[in-house]
């Protein structure tokens, strides 16, 4: 039967990362197979095991040549050997002529028979580092897009709206209203895109109440006669601005999809708008009798927003949070509203699901909210 020491040595020898042991002076007294293979693959001069070499001397020589990472590693190891620290970790680049690489060095001190030793391991973290850099590049592109939307596009849009207002005093007609509608829609698209381009984390968390947040958001939505009912309230932490975006987009969704075109609805004389010569044929007005309800969930920490409108077919519920998805044919929606809802929930660590309300309308349930007293 193998001894415990033999089993442990075999396990350390086959670790999938470079591993070494230093004595109290910093001299290398053990290296594993991966350490030796790395030395061979990178054309290290001398014995690939590096046994008997002083690791601190190697780091100091590299530091004298201008390698600041080596200087920091040497300082961390000296703190371990002096007993000032018990562990030390440091991430550093180690690029070859043909490959970009990053490693995480971890070192910890331990004692055997009164003698102090330090175990040193180097873990290849290139895949994780490349992913982080890709995210940073993507975020930088988003910041660039946000800057373009905020200034390069919004400024000329504001100028165009100003000239349109001035021109409206001299020219009247449906064409002017079409231009105004198009400019307003462009502004809405920019606003929605800016929300999506924000950094992933909420900027400032504060305690909010469900009732207050919902009622404030309702004031910023064109409700067209729709009604809001808040059935209860809870307190929780959220980014107030982002939470307002979530509620506003859910409310707009309910109003837009719960509305009926007055062109298709009979008036008090029994005629539809299309038959009424007194109304312009290209004017579409909306009558809304939808009721939107907001309240806490009964079975989990969170809240719901539901309506008594026509609801969302089950076969498309998974698609509604995708960018650009809309069932409106009039072009009034940017198609980003529910994408924003999903993004805001995700940034808070919440989840949002679409189901059906008791009245057959749409019901959005936000879960994972951490409730607080108050």
Protein backbone atom coordinates (compact mmCIF):
# COMPACT_ATOMS: atom_id res chain seq x y z
CA UNK A 1 0.00 0.00 0.00
CA UNK A 2 1.31 3.44 -0.91
CA UNK A 3 2.40 5.72 1.91
CA UNK A 4 0.50 8.94 2.53
CA UNK A 5 3.61 10.92 1.57
CA UNK A 6 3.81 9.08 -1.74
CA UNK A 7 0.15 9.71 -2.51
CA UNK A 8 0.47 13.41 -1.70
CA UNK A 9 3.65 13.77 -3.75
CA UNK A 10 1.97 12.13 -6.73
CA UNK A 11 -1.00 14.46 -6.40
CA UNK A 12 1.18 17.58 -6.23
CA UNK A 13 3.38 16.34 -9.08
CA UNK A 14 0.38 16.15 -11.43
CA UNK A 15 -1.31 19.43 -10.49
CA UNK A 16 -2.45 21.26 -13.68
CA UNK A 17 -0.54 24.44 -12.73
CA UNK A 18 3.02 25.38 -11.84
CA UNK A 19 3.82 24.64 -8.19
CA UNK A 20 7.01 25.15 -6.17
CA UNK A 21 8.18 25.21 -2.56
CA UNK A 22 10.67 27.76 -1.20
CA UNK A 23 12.64 27.47 2.03
CA UNK A 24 13.10 30.28 4.54
CA UNK A 25 15.79 31.91 2.39
CA UNK A 26 13.69 31.86 -0.77
CA UNK A 27 15.57 28.94 -2.34
CA UNK A 28 13.51 26.57 -4.48
CA UNK A 29 13.45 23.10 -2.87
CA UNK A 30 10.67 21.48 -4.89
CA UNK A 31 8.92 21.96 -8.26
CA UNK A 32 6.21 19.86 -9.88
CA UNK A 33 5.94 18.49 -13.42
CA UNK A 34 3.96 21.46 -14.73
CA UNK A 35 6.65 23.86 -13.45
CA UNK A 36 9.35 21.92 -15.28
CA UNK A 37 7.29 21.62 -18.47
CA UNK A 38 6.67 25.37 -18.51
CA UNK A 39 10.40 26.00 -18.18
CA UNK A 40 11.15 23.70 -21.13
CA UNK A 41 8.42 25.18 -23.33
CA UNK A 42 9.71 28.70 -22.70
CA UNK A 43 13.39 27.84 -23.35
CA UNK A 44 14.61 28.47 -19.80
CA UNK A 45 18.41 28.30 -19.66
CA UNK A 46 19.66 25.66 -17.22
CA UNK A 47 17.91 22.95 -15.24
CA UNK A 48 14.13 23.19 -15.89
CA UNK A 49 13.46 22.09 -12.30
CA UNK A 50 15.25 25.28 -11.08
CA UNK A 51 16.03 23.44 -7.83
CA UNK A 52 18.63 25.26 -5.73
CA UNK A 53 17.96 28.63 -7.38
CA UNK A 54 16.88 31.51 -5.17
CA UNK A 55 13.47 32.69 -6.30
CA UNK A 56 13.92 36.09 -4.64
CA UNK A 57 17.19 36.65 -6.49
CA UNK A 58 15.45 35.91 -9.81
CA UNK A 59 12.67 38.40 -8.98
CA UNK A 60 15.19 41.05 -7.85
CA UNK A 61 17.17 40.71 -11.08
CA UNK A 62 13.99 41.17 -13.13
CA UNK A 63 13.00 44.16 -10.99
CA UNK A 64 16.42 45.78 -11.54
CA UNK A 65 15.79 45.37 -15.28
CA UNK A 66 12.59 47.40 -14.92
CA UNK A 67 9.97 44.69 -14.27
CA UNK A 68 7.68 46.29 -11.68
CA UNK A 69 5.56 43.13 -11.39
CA UNK A 70 8.66 41.18 -10.30
CA UNK A 71 9.41 43.89 -7.73
CA UNK A 72 5.94 43.56 -6.21
CA UNK A 73 6.14 39.75 -6.17
CA UNK A 74 9.51 39.86 -4.38
CA UNK A 75 8.12 42.25 -1.77
CA UNK A 76 5.10 40.02 -1.18
CA UNK A 77 7.25 36.91 -0.75
CA UNK A 78 9.56 38.68 1.71
CA UNK A 79 6.53 39.64 3.82
CA UNK A 80 5.57 35.94 3.92
CA UNK A 81 9.05 34.77 4.86
CA UNK A 82 9.29 37.44 7.56
CA UNK A 83 6.00 36.26 9.05
CA UNK A 84 4.24 39.57 8.38
CA UNK A 85 1.64 37.95 6.12
CA UNK A 86 0.20 34.45 5.74
CA UNK A 87 -0.70 34.59 2.04
CA UNK A 88 -0.09 36.71 -1.03
CA UNK A 89 -1.63 36.81 -4.51
CA UNK A 90 -0.76 38.80 -7.59
CA UNK A 91 -2.00 38.78 -11.19
CA UNK A 92 0.50 39.60 -13.91
CA UNK A 93 0.99 39.38 -17.68
CA UNK A 94 3.51 36.88 -19.04
CA UNK A 95 3.32 37.24 -22.82
CA UNK A 96 5.39 35.13 -25.17
CA UNK A 97 6.38 36.15 -28.72
CA UNK A 98 3.40 34.20 -30.07
CA UNK A 99 0.83 34.32 -27.26
CA UNK A 100 -0.78 36.76 -24.84
CA UNK A 101 -0.89 35.20 -21.36
CA UNK A 102 -1.82 36.19 -17.83
CA UNK A 103 -1.10 34.29 -14.63
CA UNK A 104 -2.33 34.48 -11.06
CA UNK A 105 0.41 33.86 -8.53
CA UNK A 106 -0.67 32.61 -5.12
CA UNK A 107 1.76 32.05 -2.26
CA UNK A 108 1.19 30.92 1.32
CA UNK A 109 3.48 30.19 4.24
CA UNK A 110 3.52 27.08 6.41
CA UNK A 111 5.86 25.44 8.92
CA UNK A 112 7.35 21.94 9.13
CA UNK A 113 9.45 20.98 12.13
CA UNK A 114 9.84 24.60 13.12
CA UNK A 115 11.10 25.58 9.67
CA UNK A 116 9.18 28.12 7.56
CA UNK A 117 8.34 27.32 3.93
CA UNK A 118 6.37 29.07 1.21
CA UNK A 119 4.36 27.27 -1.45
CA UNK A 120 4.10 29.17 -4.72
CA UNK A 121 1.66 28.41 -7.54
CA UNK A 122 1.10 30.08 -10.89
CA UNK A 123 -2.34 29.57 -12.44
CA UNK A 124 -2.97 30.42 -16.09
CA UNK A 125 -5.94 32.85 -16.10
CA UNK A 126 -5.63 33.92 -19.74
CA UNK A 127 -9.17 32.87 -20.73
CA UNK A 128 -10.72 34.79 -17.86
CA UNK A 129 -8.52 37.85 -18.49
CA UNK A 130 -9.35 37.88 -22.21
CA UNK A 131 -13.05 37.77 -21.32
CA UNK A 132 -12.63 40.69 -18.93
CA UNK A 133 -10.78 42.71 -21.57
CA UNK A 134 -13.50 41.92 -24.12
CA UNK A 135 -16.11 43.24 -21.68
CA UNK A 136 -14.04 46.38 -21.11
CA UNK A 137 -13.80 46.96 -24.87
CA UNK A 138 -17.54 46.45 -25.25
CA UNK A 139 -18.24 48.88 -22.40
CA UNK A 140 -15.94 51.42 -23.98
CA UNK A 141 -17.87 51.10 -27.24
CA UNK A 142 -21.11 51.58 -25.32
CA UNK A 143 -19.72 54.71 -23.70
CA UNK A 144 -18.79 56.01 -27.15
CA UNK A 145 -22.29 55.25 -28.44
CA UNK A 146 -23.82 56.96 -25.41
CA UNK A 147 -21.68 60.04 -26.03
CA UNK A 148 -22.74 60.16 -29.68
CA UNK A 149 -26.41 59.78 -28.73
CA UNK A 150 -26.22 62.37 -25.96
CA UNK A 151 -24.48 65.09 -27.93
CA UNK A 152 -23.80 64.42 -31.60
CA UNK A 153 -27.38 63.32 -32.33
CA UNK A 154 -29.42 65.07 -29.65
CA UNK A 155 -28.02 68.51 -30.35
CA UNK A 156 -29.05 68.64 -34.05
CA UNK A 157 -32.36 67.01 -33.10
CA UNK A 158 -33.04 69.84 -30.66
CA UNK A 159 -32.17 72.36 -33.38
CA UNK A 160 -34.58 70.67 -35.81
CA UNK A 161 -37.38 70.74 -33.24
CA UNK A 162 -36.73 74.43 -32.62
CA UNK A 163 -36.96 75.28 -36.32
CA UNK A 164 -40.11 73.18 -36.59
CA UNK A 165 -41.73 75.15 -33.76
CA UNK A 166 -40.86 78.40 -35.51
CA UNK A 167 -42.15 77.11 -38.83
CA UNK A 168 -45.41 75.93 -37.26
CA UNK A 169 -46.43 79.56 -36.76
CA UNK A 170 -46.50 80.05 -40.54
CA UNK A 171 -47.30 76.62 -41.95
CA UNK A 172 -50.07 74.30 -40.85
CA UNK A 173 -51.07 70.85 -41.97
CA UNK A 174 -50.71 67.14 -41.40
CA UNK A 175 -47.18 67.13 -42.85
CA UNK A 176 -45.93 69.32 -40.00
CA UNK A 177 -47.44 66.94 -37.46
CA UNK A 178 -45.80 63.97 -39.18
CA UNK A 179 -42.42 65.70 -38.88
CA UNK A 180 -43.03 66.47 -35.21
CA UNK A 181 -44.03 62.86 -34.55
CA UNK A 182 -40.90 61.59 -36.29
CA UNK A 183 -38.63 63.90 -34.27
CA UNK A 184 -40.34 62.90 -31.04
CA UNK A 185 -39.88 59.24 -31.90
CA UNK A 186 -36.19 59.83 -32.62
CA UNK A 187 -35.82 61.47 -29.21
CA UNK A 188 -37.58 58.52 -27.55
CA UNK A 189 -35.26 56.05 -29.28
CA UNK A 190 -32.22 58.01 -28.10
CA UNK A 191 -33.53 58.06 -24.52
CA UNK A 192 -34.15 54.30 -24.53
CA UNK A 193 -30.76 53.57 -26.09
CA UNK A 194 -29.01 55.68 -23.46
CA UNK A 195 -30.60 53.63 -20.70
CA UNK A 196 -29.38 50.40 -22.29
CA UNK A 197 -25.89 51.89 -22.74
CA UNK A 198 -25.50 52.68 -19.04
CA UNK A 199 -22.94 50.82 -16.98
CA UNK A 200 -24.12 47.44 -15.72
CA UNK A 201 -24.26 48.35 -12.03
CA UNK A 202 -26.86 50.70 -10.49
CA UNK A 203 -25.31 54.07 -9.68
CA UNK A 204 -26.84 54.75 -6.25
CA UNK A 205 -29.03 52.46 -4.17
CA UNK A 206 -31.53 53.97 -1.76
CA UNK A 207 -34.60 52.76 0.08
CA UNK A 208 -37.75 53.26 -1.99
CA UNK A 209 -41.36 52.24 -1.50
CA UNK A 210 -43.32 50.43 -4.16
CA UNK A 211 -46.29 52.81 -3.95
CA UNK A 212 -44.21 55.97 -4.22
CA UNK A 213 -42.08 54.65 -7.10
CA UNK A 214 -45.11 53.48 -9.07
CA UNK A 215 -47.12 56.69 -8.57
CA UNK A 216 -44.16 58.90 -9.50
CA UNK A 217 -43.54 56.90 -12.69
CA UNK A 218 -47.24 57.06 -13.59
CA UNK A 219 -47.02 60.86 -13.65
CA UNK A 220 -44.42 60.67 -16.45
CA UNK A 221 -46.45 58.43 -18.76
CA UNK A 222 -49.09 59.51 -21.27
CA UNK A 223 -51.88 57.36 -19.82
CA UNK A 224 -54.70 58.40 -22.22
CA UNK A 225 -57.37 57.78 -19.57
CA UNK A 226 -55.94 54.51 -18.18
CA UNK A 227 -56.22 53.97 -14.43
CA UNK A 228 -53.57 52.97 -11.88
CA UNK A 229 -54.32 50.90 -8.78
CA UNK A 230 -51.63 50.24 -6.17
CA UNK A 231 -52.85 47.30 -4.09
CA UNK A 232 -50.14 47.42 -1.45
CA UNK A 233 -46.59 48.58 -0.81
CA UNK A 234 -43.21 47.31 0.37
CA UNK A 235 -39.84 48.99 0.88
CA UNK A 236 -36.66 47.86 -0.84
CA UNK A 237 -33.32 49.17 -2.11
CA UNK A 238 -33.05 50.31 -5.72
CA UNK A 239 -31.56 52.87 -8.04
CA UNK A 240 -34.49 55.30 -8.06
CA UNK A 241 -33.82 56.52 -11.60
CA UNK A 242 -33.52 53.02 -13.09
CA UNK A 243 -36.56 51.82 -11.16
CA UNK A 244 -38.53 54.71 -12.62
CA UNK A 245 -37.47 53.60 -16.12
CA UNK A 246 -38.70 50.08 -15.34
CA UNK A 247 -42.15 51.24 -14.20
CA UNK A 248 -42.55 53.81 -16.98
CA UNK A 249 -41.86 51.22 -19.66
CA UNK A 250 -44.21 48.67 -18.11
CA UNK A 251 -46.93 51.33 -17.87
CA UNK A 252 -46.41 52.44 -21.48
CA UNK A 253 -46.59 48.82 -22.57
CA UNK A 254 -49.92 48.37 -20.80
CA UNK A 255 -51.36 51.62 -22.19
CA UNK A 256 -50.19 50.97 -25.77
CA UNK A 257 -51.41 47.39 -25.89
CA UNK A 258 -54.58 48.05 -23.93
CA UNK A 259 -55.72 50.87 -26.20
CA UNK A 260 -58.22 50.78 -29.06
CA UNK A 261 -58.01 53.08 -32.06
CA UNK A 262 -60.85 55.57 -32.13
CA UNK A 263 -60.83 55.10 -35.90
CA UNK A 264 -62.22 51.61 -35.27
CA UNK A 265 -64.52 52.53 -32.38
CA UNK A 266 -68.04 53.86 -33.10
CA UNK A 267 -68.81 57.38 -31.92
CA UNK A 268 -72.01 58.52 -30.23
CA UNK A 269 -73.75 58.60 -33.63
CA UNK A 270 -72.78 55.04 -34.45
CA UNK A 271 -70.20 56.01 -37.11
CA UNK A 272 -66.58 54.98 -37.02
CA UNK A 273 -63.82 57.57 -37.30
CA UNK A 274 -63.20 56.53 -40.89
CA UNK A 275 -66.80 57.47 -41.69
CA UNK A 276 -66.64 60.83 -39.90
CA UNK A 277 -65.83 63.54 -42.43
CA UNK A 278 -65.14 66.03 -39.64
CA UNK A 279 -61.97 64.18 -38.57
CA UNK A 280 -58.84 64.03 -40.68
CA UNK A 281 -58.46 60.58 -42.21
CA UNK A 282 -54.82 60.28 -41.10
CA UNK A 283 -55.47 61.09 -37.43
CA UNK A 284 -55.41 58.11 -35.07
CA UNK A 285 -56.61 58.83 -31.55
CA UNK A 286 -56.74 56.31 -28.74
CA UNK A 287 -59.35 55.56 -26.12
CA UNK A 288 -57.92 53.63 -23.19
CA UNK A 289 -59.99 51.85 -20.59
CA UNK A 290 -57.25 49.58 -19.30
CA UNK A 291 -56.54 49.40 -15.56
CA UNK A 292 -52.95 48.85 -14.41
CA UNK A 293 -52.38 47.28 -10.99
CA UNK A 294 -49.16 47.29 -8.96
CA UNK A 295 -48.54 45.43 -5.72
CA UNK A 296 -46.27 43.11 -3.72
CA UNK A 297 -46.04 39.43 -4.63
CA UNK A 298 -47.74 37.05 -2.23
CA UNK A 299 -45.39 34.09 -2.63
CA UNK A 300 -41.94 35.74 -2.77
CA UNK A 301 -40.10 39.03 -2.15
CA UNK A 302 -40.89 41.21 -5.13
CA UNK A 303 -43.70 43.01 -6.91
CA UNK A 304 -45.98 42.74 -9.93
CA UNK A 305 -47.33 45.05 -12.60
CA UNK A 306 -50.42 43.74 -14.40
CA UNK A 307 -53.28 45.00 -16.53
CA UNK A 308 -56.70 43.88 -17.71
CA UNK A 309 -55.91 44.38 -21.40
CA UNK A 310 -55.76 41.77 -24.15
CA UNK A 311 -52.65 40.06 -22.73
CA UNK A 312 -49.71 38.51 -24.57
CA UNK A 313 -50.01 35.19 -26.46
CA UNK A 314 -48.14 32.45 -24.64
CA UNK A 315 -46.05 31.55 -27.68
CA UNK A 316 -44.37 34.99 -27.82
CA UNK A 317 -43.91 35.68 -24.10
CA UNK A 318 -40.29 34.57 -24.19
CA UNK A 319 -39.59 37.00 -27.05
CA UNK A 320 -41.04 40.19 -25.60
CA UNK A 321 -37.83 41.11 -23.76
CA UNK A 322 -35.74 40.92 -26.94
CA UNK A 323 -34.50 44.18 -28.42
CA UNK A 324 -36.79 45.50 -31.15
CA UNK A 325 -39.73 43.20 -30.38
CA UNK A 326 -43.11 44.91 -30.69
CA UNK A 327 -46.62 43.98 -31.75
CA UNK A 328 -47.62 47.57 -32.50
CA UNK A 329 -48.14 48.32 -36.17
CA UNK A 330 -48.45 52.11 -35.85
CA UNK A 331 -44.76 52.59 -35.09
CA UNK A 332 -45.35 54.35 -31.78
CA UNK A 333 -43.11 51.99 -29.84
CA UNK A 334 -39.33 51.93 -30.01
CA UNK A 335 -39.32 48.19 -29.41
CA UNK A 336 -36.85 48.71 -26.55
CA UNK A 337 -39.26 49.20 -23.64
CA UNK A 338 -39.37 45.64 -22.31
CA UNK A 339 -35.68 45.16 -23.11
CA UNK A 340 -35.06 48.08 -20.73
CA UNK A 341 -37.30 46.45 -18.13
CA UNK A 342 -35.25 43.24 -18.34
CA UNK A 343 -31.94 45.15 -18.24
CA UNK A 344 -32.95 47.21 -15.18
CA UNK A 345 -34.04 44.06 -13.34
CA UNK A 346 -30.79 42.28 -14.22
CA UNK A 347 -28.67 45.21 -13.04
CA UNK A 348 -30.36 45.00 -9.63
CA UNK A 349 -29.94 41.22 -9.43
CA UNK A 350 -33.68 40.67 -9.96
CA UNK A 351 -35.57 38.52 -12.42
CA UNK A 352 -38.67 39.50 -14.40
CA UNK A 353 -41.19 37.08 -15.87
CA UNK A 354 -44.26 37.60 -18.03
CA UNK A 355 -47.41 35.63 -17.31
CA UNK A 356 -51.17 36.23 -17.41
CA UNK A 357 -53.24 38.29 -14.97
CA UNK A 358 -56.50 37.07 -13.49
CA UNK A 359 -58.32 39.28 -16.02
CA UNK A 360 -56.46 37.76 -18.95
CA UNK A 361 -54.09 40.69 -19.37
CA UNK A 362 -50.30 40.86 -19.08
CA UNK A 363 -48.71 40.33 -15.66
CA UNK A 364 -45.02 41.07 -15.07
CA UNK A 365 -43.54 39.61 -11.88
CA UNK A 366 -40.24 40.97 -10.53
CA UNK A 367 -38.56 38.60 -8.08
CA UNK A 368 -35.36 38.53 -6.05
CA UNK A 369 -35.98 41.94 -4.48
CA UNK A 370 -34.45 42.36 -1.03
CA UNK A 371 -37.11 43.92 1.18
CA UNK A 372 -36.22 46.28 4.04
CA UNK A 373 -38.14 47.63 7.01
CA UNK A 374 -40.02 50.84 6.46
